[in-house]
Amino acid sequence: MTNEAKFKKENRKAVIVEETHYVVKMYVGDELAEERPLYGHSKRYAEDCAENWESGVI
């Protein structure tokens, strides 16, 4: 089962995908800039990663 959560701010977007672990897919516009697997972390950690991406922290 795959669950997705989307975060978006201006032209930066992050999508969290839950498989056996969380994966944050980071976009600039429609182009995938990075895909970050987060093994052993919580959903909240993945959400923080997504928010940091869209805010320009990472």
N, C-alpha and C. Protein backbone atom coordinates (compact mmCIF):
# COMPACT_ATOMS: atom_id res chain seq x y z
N MET A 1 0.85 -1.18 0.00
CA MET A 1 0.00 0.00 0.00
C MET A 1 0.89 1.24 0.00
N THR A 2 0.56 2.18 -0.85
CA THR A 2 1.33 3.41 -0.92
C THR A 2 0.43 4.58 -0.56
N ASN A 3 0.86 5.39 0.39
CA ASN A 3 0.15 6.61 0.76
C ASN A 3 0.99 7.79 0.32
N GLU A 4 0.33 8.88 -0.08
CA GLU A 4 1.05 10.09 -0.48
C GLU A 4 0.51 11.29 0.27
N ALA A 5 1.40 12.21 0.60
CA ALA A 5 1.03 13.51 1.15
C ALA A 5 1.79 14.55 0.34
N LYS A 6 1.12 15.65 0.01
CA LYS A 6 1.76 16.66 -0.84
C LYS A 6 1.88 17.98 -0.09
N PHE A 7 3.00 18.63 -0.29
CA PHE A 7 3.27 19.95 0.27
C PHE A 7 3.68 20.84 -0.89
N LYS A 8 3.22 22.10 -0.92
CA LYS A 8 3.59 22.98 -2.03
C LYS A 8 3.68 24.42 -1.55
N LYS A 9 4.72 25.11 -2.00
CA LYS A 9 4.90 26.53 -1.71
C LYS A 9 5.63 27.13 -2.90
N GLU A 10 5.02 28.15 -3.49
CA GLU A 10 5.57 28.79 -4.69
C GLU A 10 5.83 27.73 -5.75
N ASN A 11 7.04 27.65 -6.29
CA ASN A 11 7.31 26.67 -7.34
C ASN A 11 7.99 25.42 -6.80
N ARG A 12 8.09 25.29 -5.46
CA ARG A 12 8.72 24.11 -4.87
C ARG A 12 7.63 23.22 -4.30
N LYS A 13 7.77 21.93 -4.54
CA LYS A 13 6.78 20.97 -4.09
C LYS A 13 7.50 19.75 -3.54
N ALA A 14 6.93 19.15 -2.51
CA ALA A 14 7.45 17.90 -1.96
C ALA A 14 6.29 16.92 -1.83
N VAL A 15 6.55 15.69 -2.18
CA VAL A 15 5.55 14.62 -2.08
C VAL A 15 6.15 13.53 -1.19
N ILE A 16 5.41 13.15 -0.15
CA ILE A 16 5.85 12.07 0.74
C ILE A 16 5.15 10.79 0.31
N VAL A 17 5.94 9.77 0.05
CA VAL A 17 5.40 8.46 -0.35
C VAL A 17 5.75 7.47 0.76
N GLU A 18 4.76 6.73 1.21
CA GLU A 18 4.97 5.72 2.25
C GLU A 18 4.91 4.34 1.61
N GLU A 19 6.01 3.63 1.67
CA GLU A 19 6.07 2.25 1.19
C GLU A 19 6.45 1.41 2.40
N THR A 20 7.64 0.83 2.43
CA THR A 20 8.13 0.18 3.65
C THR A 20 8.88 1.19 4.49
N HIS A 21 9.13 2.35 3.92
CA HIS A 21 9.75 3.50 4.57
C HIS A 21 9.20 4.74 3.88
N TYR A 22 9.51 5.91 4.41
CA TYR A 22 9.05 7.15 3.78
C TYR A 22 10.06 7.61 2.74
N VAL A 23 9.56 8.17 1.65
CA VAL A 23 10.40 8.77 0.61
C VAL A 23 9.84 10.16 0.36
N VAL A 24 10.70 11.18 0.42
CA VAL A 24 10.29 12.54 0.09
C VAL A 24 10.82 12.86 -1.29
N LYS A 25 9.90 13.12 -2.21
CA LYS A 25 10.25 13.50 -3.58
C LYS A 25 10.16 15.02 -3.66
N MET A 26 11.28 15.66 -3.99
CA MET A 26 11.37 17.12 -3.98
C MET A 26 11.42 17.67 -5.40
N TYR A 27 10.53 18.59 -5.70
CA TYR A 27 10.40 19.14 -7.04
C TYR A 27 10.63 20.64 -7.04
N VAL A 28 11.18 21.12 -8.16
CA VAL A 28 11.20 22.55 -8.48
C VAL A 28 10.38 22.64 -9.76
N GLY A 29 9.25 23.33 -9.68
CA GLY A 29 8.31 23.29 -10.80
C GLY A 29 7.82 21.86 -10.95
N ASP A 30 7.87 21.34 -12.16
CA ASP A 30 7.47 19.96 -12.40
C ASP A 30 8.66 19.01 -12.49
N GLU A 31 9.86 19.52 -12.24
CA GLU A 31 11.08 18.71 -12.38
C GLU A 31 11.51 18.14 -11.03
N LEU A 32 11.71 16.83 -10.98
CA LEU A 32 12.18 16.17 -9.77
C LEU A 32 13.63 16.57 -9.51
N ALA A 33 13.87 17.23 -8.37
CA ALA A 33 15.22 17.67 -8.02
C ALA A 33 15.94 16.63 -7.16
N GLU A 34 15.20 15.97 -6.28
CA GLU A 34 15.81 14.98 -5.39
C GLU A 34 14.74 14.03 -4.87
N GLU A 35 15.14 12.81 -4.62
CA GLU A 35 14.29 11.81 -4.00
C GLU A 35 15.05 11.31 -2.78
N ARG A 36 14.51 11.57 -1.59
CA ARG A 36 15.23 11.26 -0.35
C ARG A 36 14.53 10.15 0.44
N PRO A 37 15.10 8.94 0.48
CA PRO A 37 14.52 7.87 1.30
C PRO A 37 14.84 8.12 2.78
N LEU A 38 13.86 7.91 3.63
CA LEU A 38 14.03 8.15 5.07
C LEU A 38 13.75 6.84 5.81
N TYR A 39 14.77 6.04 5.94
CA TYR A 39 14.65 4.74 6.62
C TYR A 39 14.66 4.95 8.14
N GLY A 40 13.73 4.30 8.83
CA GLY A 40 13.72 4.32 10.28
C GLY A 40 13.24 5.64 10.89
N HIS A 41 12.56 6.46 10.11
CA HIS A 41 12.07 7.75 10.62
C HIS A 41 10.55 7.76 10.61
N SER A 42 9.99 8.67 11.38
CA SER A 42 8.54 8.79 11.51
C SER A 42 7.95 9.63 10.37
N LYS A 43 6.62 9.59 10.28
CA LYS A 43 5.92 10.41 9.29
C LYS A 43 6.18 11.89 9.58
N ARG A 44 6.22 12.27 10.86
CA ARG A 44 6.47 13.67 11.23
C ARG A 44 7.84 14.11 10.73
N TYR A 45 8.83 13.26 10.80
CA TYR A 45 10.18 13.56 10.29
C TYR A 45 10.11 13.81 8.78
N ALA A 46 9.35 12.96 8.07
CA ALA A 46 9.18 13.14 6.62
C ALA A 46 8.47 14.45 6.32
N GLU A 47 7.46 14.79 7.12
CA GLU A 47 6.75 16.07 6.92
C GLU A 47 7.68 17.25 7.16
N ASP A 48 8.53 17.16 8.19
CA ASP A 48 9.51 18.22 8.44
C ASP A 48 10.47 18.37 7.27
N CYS A 49 10.91 17.25 6.71
CA CYS A 49 11.80 17.27 5.55
C CYS A 49 11.11 17.97 4.38
N ALA A 50 9.84 17.63 4.13
CA ALA A 50 9.08 18.24 3.04
C ALA A 50 8.92 19.75 3.26
N GLU A 51 8.60 20.15 4.49
CA GLU A 51 8.45 21.57 4.80
C GLU A 51 9.77 22.31 4.66
N ASN A 52 10.86 21.69 5.06
CA ASN A 52 12.18 22.31 4.90
C ASN A 52 12.52 22.50 3.43
N TRP A 53 12.14 21.56 2.59
CA TRP A 53 12.39 21.69 1.15
C TRP A 53 11.62 22.88 0.58
N GLU A 54 10.33 22.93 0.86
CA GLU A 54 9.53 23.99 0.26
C GLU A 54 9.88 25.37 0.82
N SER A 55 10.43 25.43 2.02
CA SER A 55 10.84 26.71 2.61
C SER A 55 12.23 27.13 2.17
N GLY A 56 12.95 26.25 1.48
CA GLY A 56 14.28 26.59 1.00
C GLY A 56 15.39 26.28 1.99
N VAL A 57 15.07 25.61 3.10
CA VAL A 57 16.10 25.24 4.08
C VAL A 57 17.05 24.21 3.48
N ILE A 58 16.49 23.28 2.71
CA ILE A 58 17.31 22.28 2.00
C ILE A 58 17.03 22.38 0.51
